[in-house]
Amino acid sequence: MSCNHDGNRLLAICPACDKKIFLHNLLQLEASKLTQTNGSMVCVTLLHGEKPNRHALTLFIDANMKVRSTQVSTAIIVSRK
């Protein structure tokens, strides 16, 4: 997956909080985490929002850095094991 796009490109709007998600939000990841195998989608989960409305937004991104689907979760468990 190529990451040589304009960082200000709007990828999605969170259905839970209407926050705009831009490409530069994802480019903070290591490039290797944005690569794909065998044409499959890359799943990226962003944690955002403030109490009491914290939630996770998962983006399903294709090889052209286009968001094909989103999923929101308000039940979040972070394990540091």
PDB file of N, CA and C in Angstrom:
ATOM      1  N   MET A   1       0.846  -1.171   0.000  1.00  0.00           N
ATOM      2  CA  MET A   1       0.000   0.000   0.000  1.00  0.00           C
ATOM      3  C   MET A   1       0.883   1.222   0.000  1.00  0.00           C
ATOM      4  N   SER A   2       0.628   2.115  -0.883  1.00  0.00           N
ATOM      5  CA  SER A   2       1.409   3.329  -0.978  1.00  0.00           C
ATOM      6  C   SER A   2       0.852   4.387  -0.037  1.00  0.00           C
ATOM      7  N   CYS A   3       1.725   5.092   0.634  1.00  0.00           N
ATOM      8  CA  CYS A   3       1.304   6.143   1.552  1.00  0.00           C
ATOM      9  C   CYS A   3       1.719   7.513   1.031  1.00  0.00           C
ATOM     10  N   ASN A   4       1.986   7.633  -0.259  1.00  0.00           N
ATOM     11  CA  ASN A   4       2.431   8.889  -0.837  1.00  0.00           C
ATOM     12  C   ASN A   4       1.241   9.725  -1.286  1.00  0.00           C
ATOM     13  N   HIS A   5       0.325  10.006  -0.384  1.00  0.00           N
ATOM     14  CA  HIS A   5      -0.862  10.790  -0.683  1.00  0.00           C
ATOM     15  C   HIS A   5      -0.820  12.069   0.141  1.00  0.00           C
ATOM     16  N   ASP A   6      -1.687  12.994  -0.200  1.00  0.00           N
ATOM     17  CA  ASP A   6      -1.815  14.227   0.561  1.00  0.00           C
ATOM     18  C   ASP A   6      -2.301  13.892   1.967  1.00  0.00           C
ATOM     19  N   GLY A   7      -1.544  14.265   2.977  1.00  0.00           N
ATOM     20  CA  GLY A   7      -1.879  13.952   4.364  1.00  0.00           C
ATOM     21  C   GLY A   7      -3.154  14.601   4.843  1.00  0.00           C
ATOM     22  N   ASN A   8      -3.609  15.654   4.160  1.00  0.00           N
ATOM     23  CA  ASN A   8      -4.833  16.334   4.556  1.00  0.00           C
ATOM     24  C   ASN A   8      -6.076  15.718   3.931  1.00  0.00           C
ATOM     25  N   ARG A   9      -5.911  14.599   3.228  1.00  0.00           N
ATOM     26  CA  ARG A   9      -7.047  13.948   2.572  1.00  0.00           C
ATOM     27  C   ARG A   9      -8.001  13.363   3.613  1.00  0.00           C
ATOM     28  N   LEU A  10      -9.274  13.695   3.501  1.00  0.00           N
ATOM     29  CA  LEU A  10     -10.299  13.169   4.402  1.00  0.00           C
ATOM     30  C   LEU A  10     -10.563  11.715   4.058  1.00  0.00           C
ATOM     31  N   LEU A  11     -10.430  10.841   5.057  1.00  0.00           N
ATOM     32  CA  LEU A  11     -10.689   9.419   4.840  1.00  0.00           C
ATOM     33  C   LEU A  11     -12.098   9.028   5.249  1.00  0.00           C
ATOM     34  N   ALA A  12     -12.534   9.528   6.400  1.00  0.00           N
ATOM     35  CA  ALA A  12     -13.832   9.112   6.927  1.00  0.00           C
ATOM     36  C   ALA A  12     -14.296  10.116   7.973  1.00  0.00           C
ATOM     37  N   ILE A  13     -15.555   9.999   8.326  1.00  0.00           N
ATOM     38  CA  ILE A  13     -16.117  10.748   9.444  1.00  0.00           C
ATOM     39  C   ILE A  13     -16.674   9.721  10.416  1.00  0.00           C
ATOM     40  N   CYS A  14     -16.252   9.825  11.666  1.00  0.00           N
ATOM     41  CA  CYS A  14     -16.684   8.848  12.672  1.00  0.00           C
ATOM     42  C   CYS A  14     -18.193   8.931  12.856  1.00  0.00           C
ATOM     43  N   PRO A  15     -18.897   7.800  12.698  1.00  0.00           N
ATOM     44  CA  PRO A  15     -20.348   7.810  12.873  1.00  0.00           C
ATOM     45  C   PRO A  15     -20.784   8.029  14.321  1.00  0.00           C
ATOM     46  N   ALA A  16     -19.858   7.852  15.276  1.00  0.00           N
ATOM     47  CA  ALA A  16     -20.222   8.016  16.686  1.00  0.00           C
ATOM     48  C   ALA A  16     -20.113   9.467  17.161  1.00  0.00           C
ATOM     49  N   CYS A  17     -19.088  10.191  16.670  1.00  0.00           N
ATOM     50  CA  CYS A  17     -18.860  11.543  17.186  1.00  0.00           C
ATOM     51  C   CYS A  17     -18.698  12.601  16.099  1.00  0.00           C
ATOM     52  N   ASP A  18     -18.801  12.198  14.847  1.00  0.00           N
ATOM     53  CA  ASP A  18     -18.672  13.099  13.702  1.00  0.00           C
ATOM     54  C   ASP A  18     -17.276  13.704  13.554  1.00  0.00           C
ATOM     55  N   LYS A  19     -16.282  13.121  14.218  1.00  0.00           N
ATOM     56  CA  LYS A  19     -14.904  13.597  14.081  1.00  0.00           C
ATOM     57  C   LYS A  19     -14.375  13.192  12.706  1.00  0.00           C
ATOM     58  N   LYS A  20     -13.688  14.124  12.036  1.00  0.00           N
ATOM     59  CA  LYS A  20     -13.108  13.840  10.731  1.00  0.00           C
ATOM     60  C   LYS A  20     -11.775  13.118  10.925  1.00  0.00           C
ATOM     61  N   ILE A  21     -11.577  12.061  10.164  1.00  0.00           N
ATOM     62  CA  ILE A  21     -10.346  11.282  10.206  1.00  0.00           C
ATOM     63  C   ILE A  21      -9.588  11.545   8.909  1.00  0.00           C
ATOM     64  N   PHE A  22      -8.396  12.103   9.044  1.00  0.00           N
ATOM     65  CA  PHE A  22      -7.579  12.442   7.880  1.00  0.00           C
ATOM     66  C   PHE A  22      -6.454  11.439   7.722  1.00  0.00           C
ATOM     67  N   LEU A  23      -5.900  11.377   6.536  1.00  0.00           N
ATOM     68  CA  LEU A  23      -4.811  10.453   6.249  1.00  0.00           C
ATOM     69  C   LEU A  23      -3.631  10.659   7.189  1.00  0.00           C
ATOM     70  N   HIS A  24      -3.310  11.896   7.533  1.00  0.00           N
ATOM     71  CA  HIS A  24      -2.165  12.131   8.419  1.00  0.00           C
ATOM     72  C   HIS A  24      -2.357  11.484   9.785  1.00  0.00           C
ATOM     73  N   ASN A  25      -3.609  11.247  10.209  1.00  0.00           N
ATOM     74  CA  ASN A  25      -3.851  10.526  11.464  1.00  0.00           C
ATOM     75  C   ASN A  25      -3.322   9.102  11.382  1.00  0.00           C
ATOM     76  N   LEU A  26      -3.365   8.504  10.202  1.00  0.00           N
ATOM     77  CA  LEU A  26      -2.899   7.128  10.026  1.00  0.00           C
ATOM     78  C   LEU A  26      -1.423   7.051   9.712  1.00  0.00           C
ATOM     79  N   LEU A  27      -0.860   8.095   9.124  1.00  0.00           N
ATOM     80  CA  LEU A  27       0.549   8.058   8.744  1.00  0.00           C
ATOM     81  C   LEU A  27       1.474   8.088   9.951  1.00  0.00           C
ATOM     82  N   GLN A  28       0.909   8.280  11.141  1.00  0.00           N
ATOM     83  CA  GLN A  28       1.694   8.204  12.364  1.00  0.00           C
ATOM     84  C   GLN A  28       2.101   6.761  12.653  1.00  0.00           C
ATOM     85  N   LEU A  29       1.418   5.809  12.023  1.00  0.00           N
ATOM     86  CA  LEU A  29       1.752   4.396  12.178  1.00  0.00           C
ATOM     87  C   LEU A  29       3.017   4.067  11.404  1.00  0.00           C
ATOM     88  N   GLU A  30       3.670   2.993  11.792  1.00  0.00           N
ATOM     89  CA  GLU A  30       4.787   2.510  11.000  1.00  0.00           C
ATOM     90  C   GLU A  30       4.266   2.083   9.639  1.00  0.00           C
ATOM     91  N   ALA A  31       5.018   2.381   8.592  1.00  0.00           N
ATOM     92  CA  ALA A  31       4.582   2.045   7.236  1.00  0.00           C
ATOM     93  C   ALA A  31       4.303   0.558   7.090  1.00  0.00           C
ATOM     94  N   SER A  32       5.062  -0.281   7.794  1.00  0.00           N
ATOM     95  CA  SER A  32       4.858  -1.721   7.668  1.00  0.00           C
ATOM     96  C   SER A  32       3.487  -2.151   8.176  1.00  0.00           C
ATOM     97  N   LYS A  33       2.903  -1.378   9.076  1.00  0.00           N
ATOM     98  CA  LYS A  33       1.584  -1.721   9.596  1.00  0.00           C
ATOM     99  C   LYS A  33       0.479  -1.345   8.616  1.00  0.00           C
ATOM    100  N   LEU A  34       0.808  -0.546   7.610  1.00  0.00           N
ATOM    101  CA  LEU A  34      -0.181  -0.159   6.613  1.00  0.00           C
ATOM    102  C   LEU A  34      -0.034  -0.956   5.326  1.00  0.00           C
ATOM    103  N   THR A  35       0.784  -1.992   5.339  1.00  0.00           N
ATOM    104  CA  THR A  35       0.941  -2.812   4.144  1.00  0.00           C
ATOM    105  C   THR A  35      -0.081  -3.935   4.155  1.00  0.00           C
ATOM    106  N   GLN A  36      -0.367  -4.437   2.967  1.00  0.00           N
ATOM    107  CA  GLN A  36      -1.370  -5.479   2.829  1.00  0.00           C
ATOM    108  C   GLN A  36      -0.748  -6.740   2.257  1.00  0.00           C
ATOM    109  N   THR A  37      -1.428  -7.838   2.480  1.00  0.00           N
ATOM    110  CA  THR A  37      -1.016  -9.094   1.880  1.00  0.00           C
ATOM    111  C   THR A  37      -2.161  -9.644   1.059  1.00  0.00           C
ATOM    112  N   ASN A  38      -1.865 -10.102  -0.136  1.00  0.00           N
ATOM    113  CA  ASN A  38      -2.835 -10.760  -1.013  1.00  0.00           C
ATOM    114  C   ASN A  38      -4.096  -9.934  -1.264  1.00  0.00           C
ATOM    115  N   GLY A  39      -3.959  -8.619  -1.357  1.00  0.00           N
ATOM    116  CA  GLY A  39      -5.097  -7.781  -1.702  1.00  0.00           C
ATOM    117  C   GLY A  39      -6.147  -7.625  -0.615  1.00  0.00           C
ATOM    118  N   SER A  40      -5.850  -8.043   0.588  1.00  0.00           N
ATOM    119  CA  SER A  40      -6.842  -7.917   1.657  1.00  0.00           C
ATOM    120  C   SER A  40      -6.852  -6.496   2.204  1.00  0.00           C
ATOM    121  N   MET A  41      -7.868  -6.192   2.946  1.00  0.00           N
ATOM    122  CA  MET A  41      -8.002  -4.876   3.559  1.00  0.00           C
ATOM    123  C   MET A  41      -7.096  -4.773   4.783  1.00  0.00           C
ATOM    124  N   VAL A  42      -6.704  -3.550   5.089  1.00  0.00           N
ATOM    125  CA  VAL A  42      -5.992  -3.261   6.326  1.00  0.00           C
ATOM    126  C   VAL A  42      -7.024  -2.723   7.306  1.00  0.00           C
ATOM    127  N   CYS A  43      -6.992  -3.211   8.535  1.00  0.00           N
ATOM    128  CA  CYS A  43      -7.894  -2.729   9.579  1.00  0.00           C
ATOM    129  C   CYS A  43      -7.083  -1.863  10.539  1.00  0.00           C
ATOM    130  N   VAL A  44      -7.537  -0.632  10.750  1.00  0.00           N
ATOM    131  CA  VAL A  44      -6.883   0.286  11.674  1.00  0.00           C
ATOM    132  C   VAL A  44      -7.928   0.736  12.675  1.00  0.00           C
ATOM    133  N   THR A  45      -7.604   0.619  13.961  1.00  0.00           N
ATOM    134  CA  THR A  45      -8.528   1.036  15.005  1.00  0.00           C
ATOM    135  C   THR A  45      -7.979   2.261  15.714  1.00  0.00           C
ATOM    136  N   LEU A  46      -8.807   3.286  15.789  1.00  0.00           N
ATOM    137  CA  LEU A  46      -8.450   4.540  16.440  1.00  0.00           C
ATOM    138  C   LEU A  46      -9.266   4.683  17.717  1.00  0.00           C
ATOM    139  N   LEU A  47      -8.627   5.017  18.815  1.00  0.00           N
ATOM    140  CA  LEU A  47      -9.328   5.298  20.062  1.00  0.00           C
ATOM    141  C   LEU A  47      -9.437   6.809  20.182  1.00  0.00           C
ATOM    142  N   HIS A  48     -10.644   7.298  20.359  1.00  0.00           N
ATOM    143  CA  HIS A  48     -10.799   8.744  20.520  1.00  0.00           C
ATOM    144  C   HIS A  48     -12.086   9.068  21.244  1.00  0.00           C
ATOM    145  N   GLY A  49     -12.331  10.340  21.407  1.00  0.00           N
ATOM    146  CA  GLY A  49     -13.476  10.789  22.177  1.00  0.00           C
ATOM    147  C   GLY A  49     -13.068  11.060  23.611  1.00  0.00           C
ATOM    148  N   GLU A  50     -13.918  11.728  24.321  1.00  0.00           N
ATOM    149  CA  GLU A  50     -13.665  12.051  25.720  1.00  0.00           C
ATOM    150  C   GLU A  50     -14.749  11.430  26.581  1.00  0.00           C
ATOM    151  N   LYS A  51     -14.408  11.180  27.857  1.00  0.00           N
ATOM    152  CA  LYS A  51     -15.396  10.615  28.768  1.00  0.00           C
ATOM    153  C   LYS A  51     -16.619  11.497  28.763  1.00  0.00           C
ATOM    154  N   PRO A  52     -17.790  10.988  28.769  1.00  0.00           N
ATOM    155  CA  PRO A  52     -18.165   9.582  28.845  1.00  0.00           C
ATOM    156  C   PRO A  52     -18.357   8.950  27.466  1.00  0.00           C
ATOM    157  N   ASN A  53     -17.918   9.621  26.414  1.00  0.00           N
ATOM    158  CA  ASN A  53     -18.179   9.150  25.055  1.00  0.00           C
ATOM    159  C   ASN A  53     -16.957   8.565  24.361  1.00  0.00           C
ATOM    160  N   ARG A  54     -16.030   7.974  25.106  1.00  0.00           N
ATOM    161  CA  ARG A  54     -14.866   7.356  24.468  1.00  0.00           C
ATOM    162  C   ARG A  54     -15.326   6.144  23.676  1.00  0.00           C
ATOM    163  N   HIS A  55     -14.673   5.950  22.546  1.00  0.00           N
ATOM    164  CA  HIS A  55     -15.047   4.842  21.672  1.00  0.00           C
ATOM    165  C   HIS A  55     -13.881   4.507  20.761  1.00  0.00           C
ATOM    166  N   ALA A  56     -14.025   3.410  20.052  1.00  0.00           N
ATOM    167  CA  ALA A  56     -13.023   2.985  19.073  1.00  0.00           C
ATOM    168  C   ALA A  56     -13.684   2.968  17.700  1.00  0.00           C
ATOM    169  N   LEU A  57     -12.930   3.452  16.722  1.00  0.00           N
ATOM    170  CA  LEU A  57     -13.400   3.438  15.341  1.00  0.00           C
ATOM    171  C   LEU A  57     -12.442   2.581  14.539  1.00  0.00           C
ATOM    172  N   THR A  58     -12.956   1.532  13.923  1.00  0.00           N
ATOM    173  CA  THR A  58     -12.139   0.682  13.061  1.00  0.00           C
ATOM    174  C   THR A  58     -12.426   1.049  11.618  1.00  0.00           C
ATOM    175  N   LEU A  59     -11.339   1.312  10.877  1.00  0.00           N
ATOM    176  CA  LEU A  59     -11.425   1.626   9.455  1.00  0.00           C
ATOM    177  C   LEU A  59     -10.924   0.433   8.662  1.00  0.00           C
ATOM    178  N   PHE A  60     -11.646   0.047   7.641  1.00  0.00           N
ATOM    179  CA  PHE A  60     -11.235  -1.024   6.743  1.00  0.00           C
ATOM    180  C   PHE A  60     -10.788  -0.337   5.451  1.00  0.00           C
ATOM    181  N   ILE A  61      -9.462  -0.377   5.188  1.00  0.00           N
ATOM    182  CA  ILE A  61      -8.846   0.428   4.140  1.00  0.00           C
ATOM    183  C   ILE A  61      -8.312  -0.467   3.030  1.00  0.00           C
ATOM    184  N   ASP A  62      -8.604  -0.088   1.775  1.00  0.00           N
ATOM    185  CA  ASP A  62      -8.128  -0.874   0.640  1.00  0.00           C
ATOM    186  C   ASP A  62      -6.745  -0.385   0.187  1.00  0.00           C
ATOM    187  N   ALA A  63      -6.225  -0.969  -0.868  1.00  0.00           N
ATOM    188  CA  ALA A  63      -4.878  -0.675  -1.357  1.00  0.00           C
ATOM    189  C   ALA A  63      -4.734   0.751  -1.871  1.00  0.00           C
ATOM    190  N   ASN A  64      -5.844   1.414  -2.183  1.00  0.00           N
ATOM    191  CA  ASN A  64      -5.812   2.793  -2.659  1.00  0.00           C
ATOM    192  C   ASN A  64      -6.033   3.800  -1.540  1.00  0.00           C
ATOM    193  N   MET A  65      -5.929   3.336  -0.292  1.00  0.00           N
ATOM    194  CA  MET A  65      -6.161   4.166   0.896  1.00  0.00           C
ATOM    195  C   MET A  65      -7.585   4.728   0.919  1.00  0.00           C
ATOM    196  N   LYS A  66      -8.529   3.929   0.438  1.00  0.00           N
ATOM    197  CA  LYS A  66      -9.938   4.306   0.493  1.00  0.00           C
ATOM    198  C   LYS A  66     -10.617   3.486   1.581  1.00  0.00           C
ATOM    199  N   VAL A  67     -11.354   4.147   2.453  1.00  0.00           N
ATOM    200  CA  VAL A  67     -12.066   3.464   3.522  1.00  0.00           C
ATOM    201  C   VAL A  67     -13.289   2.787   2.922  1.00  0.00           C
ATOM    202  N   ARG A  68     -13.334   1.472   3.043  1.00  0.00           N
ATOM    203  CA  ARG A  68     -14.440   0.685   2.483  1.00  0.00           C
ATOM    204  C   ARG A  68     -15.554   0.458   3.486  1.00  0.00           C
ATOM    205  N   SER A  69     -15.214   0.502   4.777  1.00  0.00           N
ATOM    206  CA  SER A  69     -16.220   0.278   5.807  1.00  0.00           C
ATOM    207  C   SER A  69     -15.689   0.807   7.131  1.00  0.00           C
ATOM    208  N   THR A  70     -16.590   1.049   8.061  1.00  0.00           N
ATOM    209  CA  THR A  70     -16.212   1.464   9.414  1.00  0.00           C
ATOM    210  C   THR A  70     -17.014   0.651  10.422  1.00  0.00           C
ATOM    211  N   GLN A  71     -16.469   0.605  11.625  1.00  0.00           N
ATOM    212  CA  GLN A  71     -17.175  -0.063  12.723  1.00  0.00           C
ATOM    213  C   GLN A  71     -16.835   0.676  14.003  1.00  0.00           C
ATOM    214  N   VAL A  72     -17.836   0.961  14.819  1.00  0.00           N
ATOM    215  CA  VAL A  72     -17.643   1.670  16.080  1.00  0.00           C
ATOM    216  C   VAL A  72     -17.897   0.734  17.240  1.00  0.00           C
ATOM    217  N   SER A  73     -17.062   0.860  18.264  1.00  0.00           N
ATOM    218  CA  SER A  73     -17.262   0.078  19.487  1.00  0.00           C
ATOM    219  C   SER A  73     -17.129   0.992  20.689  1.00  0.00           C
ATOM    220  N   THR A  74     -18.075   0.875  21.613  1.00  0.00           N
ATOM    221  CA  THR A  74     -17.990   1.648  22.854  1.00  0.00           C
ATOM    222  C   THR A  74     -17.504   0.764  24.001  1.00  0.00           C
ATOM    223  N   ALA A  75     -17.428  -0.528  23.761  1.00  0.00           N
ATOM    224  CA  ALA A  75     -16.899  -1.456  24.766  1.00  0.00           C
ATOM    225  C   ALA A  75     -15.435  -1.710  24.426  1.00  0.00           C
ATOM    226  N   ILE A  76     -14.530  -1.094  25.183  1.00  0.00           N
ATOM    227  CA  ILE A  76     -13.105  -1.144  24.878  1.00  0.00           C
ATOM    228  C   ILE A  76     -12.350  -1.718  26.063  1.00  0.00           C
ATOM    229  N   ILE A  77     -11.513  -2.692  25.794  1.00  0.00           N
ATOM    230  CA  ILE A  77     -10.634  -3.261  26.806  1.00  0.00           C
ATOM    231  C   ILE A  77      -9.213  -3.159  26.279  1.00  0.00           C
ATOM    232  N   VAL A  78      -8.338  -2.515  27.052  1.00  0.00           N
ATOM    233  CA  VAL A  78      -6.939  -2.400  26.675  1.00  0.00           C
ATOM    234  C   VAL A  78      -6.131  -3.309  27.588  1.00  0.00           C
ATOM    235  N   SER A  79      -5.475  -4.287  27.007  1.00  0.00           N
ATOM    236  CA  SER A  79      -4.662  -5.221  27.788  1.00  0.00           C
ATOM    237  C   SER A  79      -3.204  -4.938  27.528  1.00  0.00           C
ATOM    238  N   ARG A  80      -2.406  -4.854  28.555  1.00  0.00           N
ATOM    239  CA  ARG A  80      -0.985  -4.551  28.411  1.00  0.00           C
ATOM    240  C   ARG A  80      -0.130  -5.749  28.795  1.00  0.00           C
ATOM    241  N   LYS A  81      -0.572  -6.944  28.454  1.00  0.00           N
ATOM    242  CA  LYS A  81       0.179  -8.156  28.786  1.00  0.00           C
ATOM    243  C   LYS A  81       1.144  -8.494  27.705  1.00  0.00           C
TER     244      LYS A  81
END
